[in-house]
Amino acid sequence: MARGVNKVVLVGRLGQDPELKYTNSGTAVCTFSVATNDSYTNRDGERVDTTEWHNIVVWGRLAEICDEYIDKGQQVYLEGQLQTRSWEDRDGNKRYRTEVKAQDVVFLGGSGTGGSSTQSKQRSEAVHEPMDEDEYASSEKVPAPDEPNGAPPF
């Protein structure tokens, strides 16, 4: 019987600086959003630009490297697979989140916001609170204030 395929390839720009945390067992986990853009011509002949936001999670040493070297606005190429996690929110409602679990991240271009590697290094040296894998699976992210239409990056 044939196996299924779960592979994602994206090229886009970071929607915010990466957020690095550590599990209680010491495993690094880094989250960020990536925007991809597309355009098409509608029936009236007008060009319509669209942006799709993707939630990215990176584990292990690659998570630490992402935190250290990439910033909001920087273009990245990444490969990974889709994963969906679920949790109950404070009101007891079942919530779901689909993310790209990145296994390969390539830094393509400079920051679109003028960020520097010095800022990244300072951010990566900050103290990060530990959490366990279950805490990550049940963590609820809040939307960034600069996300269009209130779409949460995480």
C-alpha atoms as a PDB file:
ATOM      1  CA  MET A   1       0.000   0.000   0.000  1.00  0.00           C
ATOM      2  CA  ALA A   2       1.273   3.498  -0.836  1.00  0.00           C
ATOM      3  CA  ARG A   3       2.248   5.883   1.946  1.00  0.00           C
ATOM      4  CA  GLY A   4       0.824   9.365   2.138  1.00  0.00           C
ATOM      5  CA  VAL A   5       2.888  12.459   1.401  1.00  0.00           C
ATOM      6  CA  ASN A   6       2.931  15.464   3.712  1.00  0.00           C
ATOM      7  CA  LYS A   7       5.392  18.010   2.300  1.00  0.00           C
ATOM      8  CA  VAL A   8       5.293  21.791   2.299  1.00  0.00           C
ATOM      9  CA  VAL A   9       7.674  24.139   0.444  1.00  0.00           C
ATOM     10  CA  LEU A  10       7.350  27.890   1.043  1.00  0.00           C
ATOM     11  CA  VAL A  11       9.238  31.026   0.038  1.00  0.00           C
ATOM     12  CA  GLY A  12       8.055  34.104   1.882  1.00  0.00           C
ATOM     13  CA  ARG A  13       8.838  36.851   4.367  1.00  0.00           C
ATOM     14  CA  LEU A  14       8.668  36.676   8.152  1.00  0.00           C
ATOM     15  CA  GLY A  15       5.656  38.430   9.639  1.00  0.00           C
ATOM     16  CA  GLN A  16       7.349  39.030  12.996  1.00  0.00           C
ATOM     17  CA  ASP A  17      10.591  38.261  14.784  1.00  0.00           C
ATOM     18  CA  PRO A  18      10.908  34.590  15.758  1.00  0.00           C
ATOM     19  CA  GLU A  19       9.904  33.602  19.306  1.00  0.00           C
ATOM     20  CA  LEU A  20      12.187  31.051  20.967  1.00  0.00           C
ATOM     21  CA  LYS A  21      11.191  28.938  23.968  1.00  0.00           C
ATOM     22  CA  TYR A  22      12.575  25.785  25.555  1.00  0.00           C
ATOM     23  CA  THR A  23      10.660  22.735  26.709  1.00  0.00           C
ATOM     24  CA  ASN A  24      11.243  21.502  30.266  1.00  0.00           C
ATOM     25  CA  SER A  25      13.483  18.824  28.787  1.00  0.00           C
ATOM     26  CA  GLY A  26      15.640  21.551  27.174  1.00  0.00           C
ATOM     27  CA  THR A  27      14.483  21.239  23.562  1.00  0.00           C
ATOM     28  CA  ALA A  28      14.339  24.548  21.686  1.00  0.00           C
ATOM     29  CA  VAL A  29      11.132  25.458  19.846  1.00  0.00           C
ATOM     30  CA  CYS A  30      10.888  28.562  17.662  1.00  0.00           C
ATOM     31  CA  THR A  31       7.681  29.951  16.162  1.00  0.00           C
ATOM     32  CA  PHE A  32       7.073  32.650  13.568  1.00  0.00           C
ATOM     33  CA  SER A  33       4.770  33.456  10.669  1.00  0.00           C
ATOM     34  CA  VAL A  34       5.659  33.607   6.986  1.00  0.00           C
ATOM     35  CA  ALA A  35       3.674  35.524   4.372  1.00  0.00           C
ATOM     36  CA  THR A  36       3.445  34.336   0.785  1.00  0.00           C
ATOM     37  CA  ASN A  37       2.031  36.550  -1.947  1.00  0.00           C
ATOM     38  CA  ASP A  38       0.105  35.795  -5.112  1.00  0.00           C
ATOM     39  CA  SER A  39      -1.775  37.820  -7.679  1.00  0.00           C
ATOM     40  CA  TYR A  40      -4.392  37.212 -10.316  1.00  0.00           C
ATOM     41  CA  THR A  41      -6.543  39.182 -12.730  1.00  0.00           C
ATOM     42  CA  ASN A  42     -10.247  39.262 -11.892  1.00  0.00           C
ATOM     43  CA  ARG A  43     -13.145  39.315 -14.372  1.00  0.00           C
ATOM     44  CA  ASP A  44     -12.939  43.108 -14.641  1.00  0.00           C
ATOM     45  CA  GLY A  45      -9.300  42.906 -15.707  1.00  0.00           C
ATOM     46  CA  GLU A  46      -8.019  44.318 -12.405  1.00  0.00           C
ATOM     47  CA  ARG A  47      -4.979  42.856 -10.741  1.00  0.00           C
ATOM     48  CA  VAL A  48      -5.743  41.455  -7.283  1.00  0.00           C
ATOM     49  CA  ASP A  49      -2.885  40.809  -4.834  1.00  0.00           C
ATOM     50  CA  THR A  50      -3.390  38.262  -2.055  1.00  0.00           C
ATOM     51  CA  THR A  51      -1.337  37.335   0.987  1.00  0.00           C
ATOM     52  CA  GLU A  52      -1.477  33.994   2.777  1.00  0.00           C
ATOM     53  CA  TRP A  53      -0.068  33.707   6.324  1.00  0.00           C
ATOM     54  CA  HIS A  54       1.557  30.450   7.433  1.00  0.00           C
ATOM     55  CA  ASN A  55       2.303  29.468  11.044  1.00  0.00           C
ATOM     56  CA  ILE A  56       5.792  27.976  11.308  1.00  0.00           C
ATOM     57  CA  VAL A  57       7.304  25.907  14.135  1.00  0.00           C
ATOM     58  CA  VAL A  58      10.954  24.802  14.193  1.00  0.00           C
ATOM     59  CA  TRP A  59      12.527  22.447  16.743  1.00  0.00           C
ATOM     60  CA  GLY A  60      16.018  21.751  18.115  1.00  0.00           C
ATOM     61  CA  ARG A  61      19.221  23.461  17.053  1.00  0.00           C
ATOM     62  CA  LEU A  62      17.574  24.808  13.881  1.00  0.00           C
ATOM     63  CA  ALA A  63      15.119  26.677  16.140  1.00  0.00           C
ATOM     64  CA  GLU A  64      18.024  28.410  17.903  1.00  0.00           C
ATOM     65  CA  ILE A  65      19.654  29.282  14.574  1.00  0.00           C
ATOM     66  CA  CYS A  66      16.399  30.783  13.266  1.00  0.00           C
ATOM     67  CA  ASP A  67      16.027  32.877  16.424  1.00  0.00           C
ATOM     68  CA  GLU A  68      19.587  34.130  16.106  1.00  0.00           C
ATOM     69  CA  TYR A  69      19.785  34.922  12.399  1.00  0.00           C
ATOM     70  CA  ILE A  70      16.385  35.886  10.983  1.00  0.00           C
ATOM     71  CA  ASP A  71      14.198  38.920  11.596  1.00  0.00           C
ATOM     72  CA  LYS A  72      10.783  40.255  10.671  1.00  0.00           C
ATOM     73  CA  GLY A  73      10.648  41.017   6.953  1.00  0.00           C
ATOM     74  CA  GLN A  74      13.475  38.672   5.942  1.00  0.00           C
ATOM     75  CA  GLN A  75      12.836  36.286   3.077  1.00  0.00           C
ATOM     76  CA  VAL A  76      13.204  32.551   3.774  1.00  0.00           C
ATOM     77  CA  TYR A  77      12.838  29.266   1.933  1.00  0.00           C
ATOM     78  CA  LEU A  78      11.560  26.420   4.066  1.00  0.00           C
ATOM     79  CA  GLU A  79      10.564  22.795   3.742  1.00  0.00           C
ATOM     80  CA  GLY A  80       8.524  20.831   6.203  1.00  0.00           C
ATOM     81  CA  GLN A  81       5.204  19.155   6.817  1.00  0.00           C
ATOM     82  CA  LEU A  82       1.760  20.182   8.004  1.00  0.00           C
ATOM     83  CA  GLN A  83       0.725  19.339  11.546  1.00  0.00           C
ATOM     84  CA  THR A  84      -2.477  20.176  13.381  1.00  0.00           C
ATOM     85  CA  ARG A  85      -2.686  20.374  17.144  1.00  0.00           C
ATOM     86  CA  SER A  86      -5.727  20.841  19.343  1.00  0.00           C
ATOM     87  CA  TRP A  87      -6.405  22.137  22.831  1.00  0.00           C
ATOM     88  CA  GLU A  88      -9.196  23.464  24.980  1.00  0.00           C
ATOM     89  CA  ASP A  89      -9.279  27.215  25.521  1.00  0.00           C
ATOM     90  CA  ARG A  90     -10.081  28.888  28.839  1.00  0.00           C
ATOM     91  CA  ASP A  91     -13.804  28.600  28.111  1.00  0.00           C
ATOM     92  CA  GLY A  92     -13.589  24.865  27.418  1.00  0.00           C
ATOM     93  CA  ASN A  93     -13.959  25.222  23.633  1.00  0.00           C
ATOM     94  CA  LYS A  94     -11.966  22.847  21.427  1.00  0.00           C
ATOM     95  CA  ARG A  95      -9.450  24.837  19.341  1.00  0.00           C
ATOM     96  CA  TYR A  96      -7.281  23.717  16.420  1.00  0.00           C
ATOM     97  CA  ARG A  97      -4.152  25.149  14.836  1.00  0.00           C
ATOM     98  CA  THR A  98      -2.472  23.988  11.642  1.00  0.00           C
ATOM     99  CA  GLU A  99       1.239  24.732  11.405  1.00  0.00           C
ATOM    100  CA  VAL A 100       4.159  23.985   9.151  1.00  0.00           C
ATOM    101  CA  LYS A 101       6.731  21.947  11.075  1.00  0.00           C
ATOM    102  CA  ALA A 102       9.865  23.136   9.273  1.00  0.00           C
ATOM    103  CA  GLN A 103      12.794  20.755   8.926  1.00  0.00           C
ATOM    104  CA  ASP A 104      14.886  22.906   6.564  1.00  0.00           C
ATOM    105  CA  VAL A 105      15.126  26.716   6.587  1.00  0.00           C
ATOM    106  CA  VAL A 106      17.296  28.700   4.170  1.00  0.00           C
ATOM    107  CA  PHE A 107      17.844  32.418   4.770  1.00  0.00           C
ATOM    108  CA  LEU A 108      17.418  34.128   1.384  1.00  0.00           C
ATOM    109  CA  GLY A 109      17.502  37.873   1.730  1.00  0.00           C
ATOM    110  CA  GLY A 110      17.954  40.824   3.982  1.00  0.00           C
ATOM    111  CA  SER A 111      15.291  42.130   6.263  1.00  0.00           C
ATOM    112  CA  GLY A 112      12.531  44.162   4.706  1.00  0.00           C
ATOM    113  CA  THR A 113      12.355  46.199   7.921  1.00  0.00           C
ATOM    114  CA  GLY A 114      15.993  47.146   8.276  1.00  0.00           C
ATOM    115  CA  GLY A 115      16.657  44.753  11.170  1.00  0.00           C
ATOM    116  CA  SER A 116      20.237  43.826  11.932  1.00  0.00           C
ATOM    117  CA  SER A 117      21.937  40.638  13.018  1.00  0.00           C
ATOM    118  CA  THR A 118      22.974  42.466  16.206  1.00  0.00           C
ATOM    119  CA  GLN A 119      19.299  42.834  17.138  1.00  0.00           C
ATOM    120  CA  SER A 120      18.786  39.124  16.455  1.00  0.00           C
ATOM    121  CA  LYS A 121      21.743  38.131  18.607  1.00  0.00           C
ATOM    122  CA  GLN A 122      20.507  40.258  21.503  1.00  0.00           C
ATOM    123  CA  ARG A 123      17.066  38.665  21.196  1.00  0.00           C
ATOM    124  CA  SER A 124      18.521  35.129  21.213  1.00  0.00           C
ATOM    125  CA  GLU A 125      20.481  35.815  24.393  1.00  0.00           C
ATOM    126  CA  ALA A 126      17.331  36.764  26.279  1.00  0.00           C
ATOM    127  CA  VAL A 127      16.106  34.455  29.024  1.00  0.00           C
ATOM    128  CA  HIS A 128      13.439  32.094  27.721  1.00  0.00           C
ATOM    129  CA  GLU A 129      10.987  30.378  30.035  1.00  0.00           C
ATOM    130  CA  PRO A 130      10.887  26.578  29.808  1.00  0.00           C
ATOM    131  CA  MET A 131       7.728  24.685  28.913  1.00  0.00           C
ATOM    132  CA  ASP A 132       6.977  21.032  28.310  1.00  0.00           C
ATOM    133  CA  GLU A 133       5.765  19.503  25.058  1.00  0.00           C
ATOM    134  CA  ASP A 134       2.183  19.382  26.372  1.00  0.00           C
ATOM    135  CA  GLU A 135       2.328  23.086  27.215  1.00  0.00           C
ATOM    136  CA  TYR A 136       3.443  23.832  23.654  1.00  0.00           C
ATOM    137  CA  ALA A 137       0.652  21.683  22.234  1.00  0.00           C
ATOM    138  CA  SER A 138      -1.923  23.552  24.313  1.00  0.00           C
ATOM    139  CA  SER A 139      -0.466  27.047  24.035  1.00  0.00           C
ATOM    140  CA  GLU A 140      -2.689  29.660  22.496  1.00  0.00           C
ATOM    141  CA  LYS A 141      -1.039  32.481  20.580  1.00  0.00           C
ATOM    142  CA  VAL A 142      -2.416  36.002  20.322  1.00  0.00           C
ATOM    143  CA  PRO A 143      -2.622  37.916  17.028  1.00  0.00           C
ATOM    144  CA  ALA A 144       0.072  40.436  16.267  1.00  0.00           C
ATOM    145  CA  PRO A 145      -1.279  43.996  16.055  1.00  0.00           C
ATOM    146  CA  ASP A 146       0.084  44.455  12.522  1.00  0.00           C
ATOM    147  CA  GLU A 147      -1.620  41.383  11.028  1.00  0.00           C
ATOM    148  CA  PRO A 148      -4.145  42.190   8.295  1.00  0.00           C
ATOM    149  CA  ASN A 149      -7.821  41.570   9.069  1.00  0.00           C
ATOM    150  CA  GLY A 150      -6.932  40.399  12.558  1.00  0.00           C
ATOM    151  CA  ALA A 151      -5.562  37.122  11.192  1.00  0.00           C
ATOM    152  CA  PRO A 152      -3.385  35.656  13.941  1.00  0.00           C
ATOM    153  CA  PRO A 153       0.165  34.696  12.989  1.00  0.00           C
ATOM    154  CA  PHE A 154       0.059  32.092  15.802  1.00  0.00           C
END
